[in-house]
Amino acid sequence: MTITMIDLMPMILALKAFMIAWLIVFFSPIQDLINKLPIKKIKNTYLRNLTTCTNCLAFWIGLIMTLNIFVAIGAAMMAYAFQVFFKPKF
């Protein structure tokens, strides 16, 4: 049994979603931009909570990018594994 590129496509998409989520969470200019958005304080709090959680953000980006729940779950699992094995500092 050989593995083709078509078989790997869901994992590649999940990896892309995880990398975008990682960039948003750990790239401080994006976080500063989110903090300066001129929206109500309540909405800004929800937005801040969403954009500081790599697992949540990877899930939602994966779901929005692909409209496939399994790819979104794979992206969230990658984010969780990254947090467990590398223990990133905020």
N, C-alpha and C. Protein backbone atom coordinates (compact mmCIF):
# COMPACT_ATOMS: atom_id res chain seq x y z
N MET A 1 0.84 -1.18 0.00
CA MET A 1 0.00 0.00 0.00
C MET A 1 0.89 1.24 0.00
N THR A 2 0.70 2.08 -0.97
CA THR A 2 1.49 3.30 -1.05
C THR A 2 0.65 4.49 -0.61
N ILE A 3 1.33 5.46 -0.06
CA ILE A 3 0.65 6.68 0.38
C ILE A 3 0.85 7.73 -0.71
N THR A 4 -0.24 8.27 -1.19
CA THR A 4 -0.17 9.28 -2.24
C THR A 4 -0.39 10.66 -1.64
N MET A 5 -0.20 11.66 -2.45
CA MET A 5 -0.39 13.04 -2.01
C MET A 5 -1.85 13.30 -1.65
N ILE A 6 -2.77 12.64 -2.32
CA ILE A 6 -4.19 12.82 -2.03
C ILE A 6 -4.50 12.30 -0.63
N ASP A 7 -3.83 11.22 -0.22
CA ASP A 7 -4.04 10.68 1.11
C ASP A 7 -3.51 11.62 2.19
N LEU A 8 -2.46 12.35 1.88
CA LEU A 8 -1.85 13.25 2.85
C LEU A 8 -2.49 14.64 2.88
N MET A 9 -3.36 14.96 1.96
CA MET A 9 -3.91 16.30 1.85
C MET A 9 -4.62 16.79 3.13
N PRO A 10 -5.45 15.98 3.80
CA PRO A 10 -6.07 16.48 5.04
C PRO A 10 -5.05 16.86 6.11
N MET A 11 -3.98 16.09 6.24
CA MET A 11 -2.98 16.42 7.24
C MET A 11 -2.19 17.67 6.86
N ILE A 12 -1.96 17.87 5.57
CA ILE A 12 -1.28 19.08 5.12
C ILE A 12 -2.14 20.30 5.40
N LEU A 13 -3.44 20.19 5.16
CA LEU A 13 -4.34 21.30 5.47
C LEU A 13 -4.41 21.56 6.97
N ALA A 14 -4.41 20.51 7.78
CA ALA A 14 -4.41 20.69 9.23
C ALA A 14 -3.12 21.35 9.69
N LEU A 15 -2.01 20.99 9.07
CA LEU A 15 -0.73 21.61 9.41
C LEU A 15 -0.73 23.09 9.04
N LYS A 16 -1.31 23.43 7.89
CA LYS A 16 -1.42 24.83 7.50
C LYS A 16 -2.25 25.61 8.50
N ALA A 17 -3.38 25.04 8.92
CA ALA A 17 -4.24 25.72 9.90
C ALA A 17 -3.50 25.91 11.22
N PHE A 18 -2.76 24.90 11.65
CA PHE A 18 -2.00 25.02 12.89
C PHE A 18 -0.94 26.11 12.77
N MET A 19 -0.24 26.17 11.65
CA MET A 19 0.82 27.17 11.48
C MET A 19 0.27 28.59 11.44
N ILE A 20 -0.90 28.78 10.82
CA ILE A 20 -1.53 30.10 10.82
C ILE A 20 -1.93 30.48 12.24
N ALA A 21 -2.51 29.52 12.98
CA ALA A 21 -2.89 29.78 14.37
C ALA A 21 -1.67 30.10 15.22
N TRP A 22 -0.58 29.37 15.02
CA TRP A 22 0.63 29.63 15.77
C TRP A 22 1.15 31.03 15.48
N LEU A 23 1.11 31.44 14.22
CA LEU A 23 1.58 32.77 13.85
C LEU A 23 0.73 33.85 14.52
N ILE A 24 -0.57 33.68 14.54
CA ILE A 24 -1.45 34.69 15.15
C ILE A 24 -1.22 34.76 16.66
N VAL A 25 -1.05 33.62 17.30
CA VAL A 25 -0.90 33.61 18.76
C VAL A 25 0.46 34.12 19.21
N PHE A 26 1.54 33.73 18.53
CA PHE A 26 2.87 34.03 19.02
C PHE A 26 3.56 35.20 18.32
N PHE A 27 2.94 35.82 17.35
CA PHE A 27 3.54 36.97 16.66
C PHE A 27 2.97 38.23 17.30
N SER A 28 3.79 38.91 18.08
CA SER A 28 3.29 40.02 18.90
C SER A 28 2.72 41.20 18.11
N PRO A 29 3.20 41.57 16.92
CA PRO A 29 2.53 42.66 16.20
C PRO A 29 1.07 42.36 15.87
N ILE A 30 0.74 41.10 15.61
CA ILE A 30 -0.66 40.75 15.36
C ILE A 30 -1.46 40.90 16.65
N GLN A 31 -0.90 40.48 17.78
CA GLN A 31 -1.59 40.63 19.05
C GLN A 31 -1.79 42.10 19.41
N ASP A 32 -0.79 42.94 19.14
CA ASP A 32 -0.92 44.37 19.39
C ASP A 32 -2.02 44.98 18.52
N LEU A 33 -2.10 44.55 17.28
CA LEU A 33 -3.15 45.03 16.38
C LEU A 33 -4.53 44.64 16.88
N ILE A 34 -4.67 43.41 17.37
CA ILE A 34 -5.96 42.96 17.90
C ILE A 34 -6.34 43.76 19.14
N ASN A 35 -5.36 44.09 19.98
CA ASN A 35 -5.65 44.87 21.18
C ASN A 35 -6.07 46.29 20.86
N LYS A 36 -5.64 46.83 19.73
CA LYS A 36 -5.95 48.21 19.37
C LYS A 36 -7.21 48.36 18.52
N LEU A 37 -7.92 47.25 18.26
CA LEU A 37 -9.13 47.34 17.45
C LEU A 37 -10.19 48.19 18.15
N PRO A 38 -10.83 49.09 17.41
CA PRO A 38 -11.83 49.98 18.03
C PRO A 38 -13.20 49.30 18.15
N ILE A 39 -13.27 48.28 18.96
CA ILE A 39 -14.55 47.61 19.20
C ILE A 39 -14.85 47.65 20.69
N LYS A 40 -16.06 47.29 21.05
CA LYS A 40 -16.44 47.33 22.46
C LYS A 40 -15.54 46.44 23.30
N LYS A 41 -15.40 46.80 24.56
CA LYS A 41 -14.51 46.08 25.45
C LYS A 41 -14.90 44.61 25.61
N ILE A 42 -16.20 44.33 25.64
CA ILE A 42 -16.65 42.95 25.82
C ILE A 42 -16.24 42.10 24.62
N LYS A 43 -16.47 42.60 23.42
CA LYS A 43 -16.10 41.85 22.23
C LYS A 43 -14.59 41.70 22.13
N ASN A 44 -13.85 42.73 22.54
CA ASN A 44 -12.40 42.66 22.49
C ASN A 44 -11.87 41.60 23.45
N THR A 45 -12.56 41.41 24.60
CA THR A 45 -12.16 40.38 25.55
C THR A 45 -12.35 38.99 24.93
N TYR A 46 -13.48 38.77 24.28
CA TYR A 46 -13.71 37.47 23.62
C TYR A 46 -12.69 37.24 22.51
N LEU A 47 -12.42 38.27 21.74
CA LEU A 47 -11.45 38.16 20.66
C LEU A 47 -10.06 37.88 21.22
N ARG A 48 -9.72 38.52 22.32
CA ARG A 48 -8.41 38.30 22.95
C ARG A 48 -8.30 36.86 23.47
N ASN A 49 -9.37 36.36 24.09
CA ASN A 49 -9.34 34.98 24.58
C ASN A 49 -9.19 33.98 23.43
N LEU A 50 -9.86 34.24 22.33
CA LEU A 50 -9.76 33.34 21.18
C LEU A 50 -8.38 33.37 20.56
N THR A 51 -7.79 34.55 20.47
CA THR A 51 -6.51 34.66 19.76
C THR A 51 -5.30 34.37 20.64
N THR A 52 -5.50 33.99 21.90
CA THR A 52 -4.37 33.57 22.72
C THR A 52 -4.40 32.07 22.98
N CYS A 53 -5.40 31.37 22.48
CA CYS A 53 -5.51 29.93 22.65
C CYS A 53 -5.18 29.25 21.32
N THR A 54 -4.02 28.62 21.26
CA THR A 54 -3.59 27.99 20.02
C THR A 54 -4.53 26.86 19.60
N ASN A 55 -4.99 26.08 20.57
CA ASN A 55 -5.88 24.96 20.25
C ASN A 55 -7.18 25.46 19.62
N CYS A 56 -7.79 26.44 20.26
CA CYS A 56 -9.08 26.97 19.77
C CYS A 56 -8.92 27.60 18.39
N LEU A 57 -7.89 28.41 18.26
CA LEU A 57 -7.68 29.11 17.00
C LEU A 57 -7.36 28.14 15.87
N ALA A 58 -6.57 27.11 16.16
CA ALA A 58 -6.25 26.11 15.13
C ALA A 58 -7.52 25.37 14.70
N PHE A 59 -8.37 25.05 15.66
CA PHE A 59 -9.63 24.38 15.33
C PHE A 59 -10.49 25.25 14.42
N TRP A 60 -10.70 26.50 14.81
CA TRP A 60 -11.60 27.36 14.02
C TRP A 60 -11.01 27.72 12.67
N ILE A 61 -9.71 27.94 12.60
CA ILE A 61 -9.10 28.23 11.29
C ILE A 61 -9.20 27.00 10.40
N GLY A 62 -8.95 25.82 10.94
CA GLY A 62 -9.08 24.60 10.16
C GLY A 62 -10.49 24.38 9.67
N LEU A 63 -11.47 24.66 10.53
CA LEU A 63 -12.87 24.49 10.14
C LEU A 63 -13.27 25.50 9.07
N ILE A 64 -12.84 26.73 9.22
CA ILE A 64 -13.19 27.77 8.23
C ILE A 64 -12.47 27.52 6.90
N MET A 65 -11.21 27.09 6.96
CA MET A 65 -10.44 26.86 5.73
C MET A 65 -10.99 25.70 4.91
N THR A 66 -11.38 24.61 5.58
CA THR A 66 -11.70 23.40 4.85
C THR A 66 -13.16 22.97 4.93
N LEU A 67 -13.90 23.49 5.91
CA LEU A 67 -15.27 23.06 6.19
C LEU A 67 -15.33 21.55 6.45
N ASN A 68 -14.26 21.04 7.04
CA ASN A 68 -14.16 19.62 7.35
C ASN A 68 -13.82 19.49 8.83
N ILE A 69 -14.70 18.89 9.61
CA ILE A 69 -14.52 18.80 11.05
C ILE A 69 -13.30 17.95 11.40
N PHE A 70 -12.99 16.94 10.61
CA PHE A 70 -11.86 16.07 10.92
C PHE A 70 -10.53 16.79 10.73
N VAL A 71 -10.43 17.62 9.71
CA VAL A 71 -9.22 18.43 9.51
C VAL A 71 -9.08 19.43 10.65
N ALA A 72 -10.19 20.03 11.07
CA ALA A 72 -10.16 20.99 12.18
C ALA A 72 -9.72 20.31 13.47
N ILE A 73 -10.21 19.12 13.73
CA ILE A 73 -9.81 18.39 14.93
C ILE A 73 -8.33 18.01 14.84
N GLY A 74 -7.87 17.63 13.65
CA GLY A 74 -6.45 17.33 13.46
C GLY A 74 -5.57 18.54 13.73
N ALA A 75 -6.01 19.72 13.30
CA ALA A 75 -5.25 20.94 13.56
C ALA A 75 -5.20 21.24 15.05
N ALA A 76 -6.31 21.07 15.74
CA ALA A 76 -6.35 21.30 17.19
C ALA A 76 -5.47 20.29 17.92
N MET A 77 -5.46 19.05 17.44
CA MET A 77 -4.61 18.04 18.06
C MET A 77 -3.13 18.34 17.85
N MET A 78 -2.78 18.87 16.68
CA MET A 78 -1.40 19.28 16.43
C MET A 78 -1.00 20.41 17.38
N ALA A 79 -1.91 21.37 17.56
CA ALA A 79 -1.63 22.48 18.47
C ALA A 79 -1.46 21.98 19.90
N TYR A 80 -2.30 21.04 20.31
CA TYR A 80 -2.18 20.48 21.66
C TYR A 80 -0.86 19.73 21.82
N ALA A 81 -0.50 18.93 20.83
CA ALA A 81 0.77 18.19 20.90
C ALA A 81 1.95 19.15 20.95
N PHE A 82 1.87 20.24 20.21
CA PHE A 82 2.93 21.25 20.24
C PHE A 82 3.07 21.83 21.64
N GLN A 83 1.94 22.14 22.29
CA GLN A 83 1.98 22.70 23.64
C GLN A 83 2.53 21.69 24.64
N VAL A 84 2.18 20.43 24.49
CA VAL A 84 2.62 19.42 25.45
C VAL A 84 4.12 19.15 25.30
N PHE A 85 4.60 19.02 24.07
CA PHE A 85 5.99 18.64 23.87
C PHE A 85 6.98 19.79 23.94
N PHE A 86 6.57 20.99 23.53
CA PHE A 86 7.52 22.11 23.48
C PHE A 86 7.29 23.16 24.55
N LYS A 87 6.14 23.16 25.22
CA LYS A 87 5.81 24.08 26.31
C LYS A 87 6.20 25.53 25.97
N PRO A 88 5.51 26.14 24.99
CA PRO A 88 5.86 27.51 24.60
C PRO A 88 5.52 28.51 25.70
N LYS A 89 6.28 29.56 25.79
CA LYS A 89 6.06 30.62 26.77
C LYS A 89 5.34 31.78 26.10
N PHE A 90 4.38 32.37 26.79
CA PHE A 90 3.66 33.53 26.25
C PHE A 90 4.37 34.78 26.64
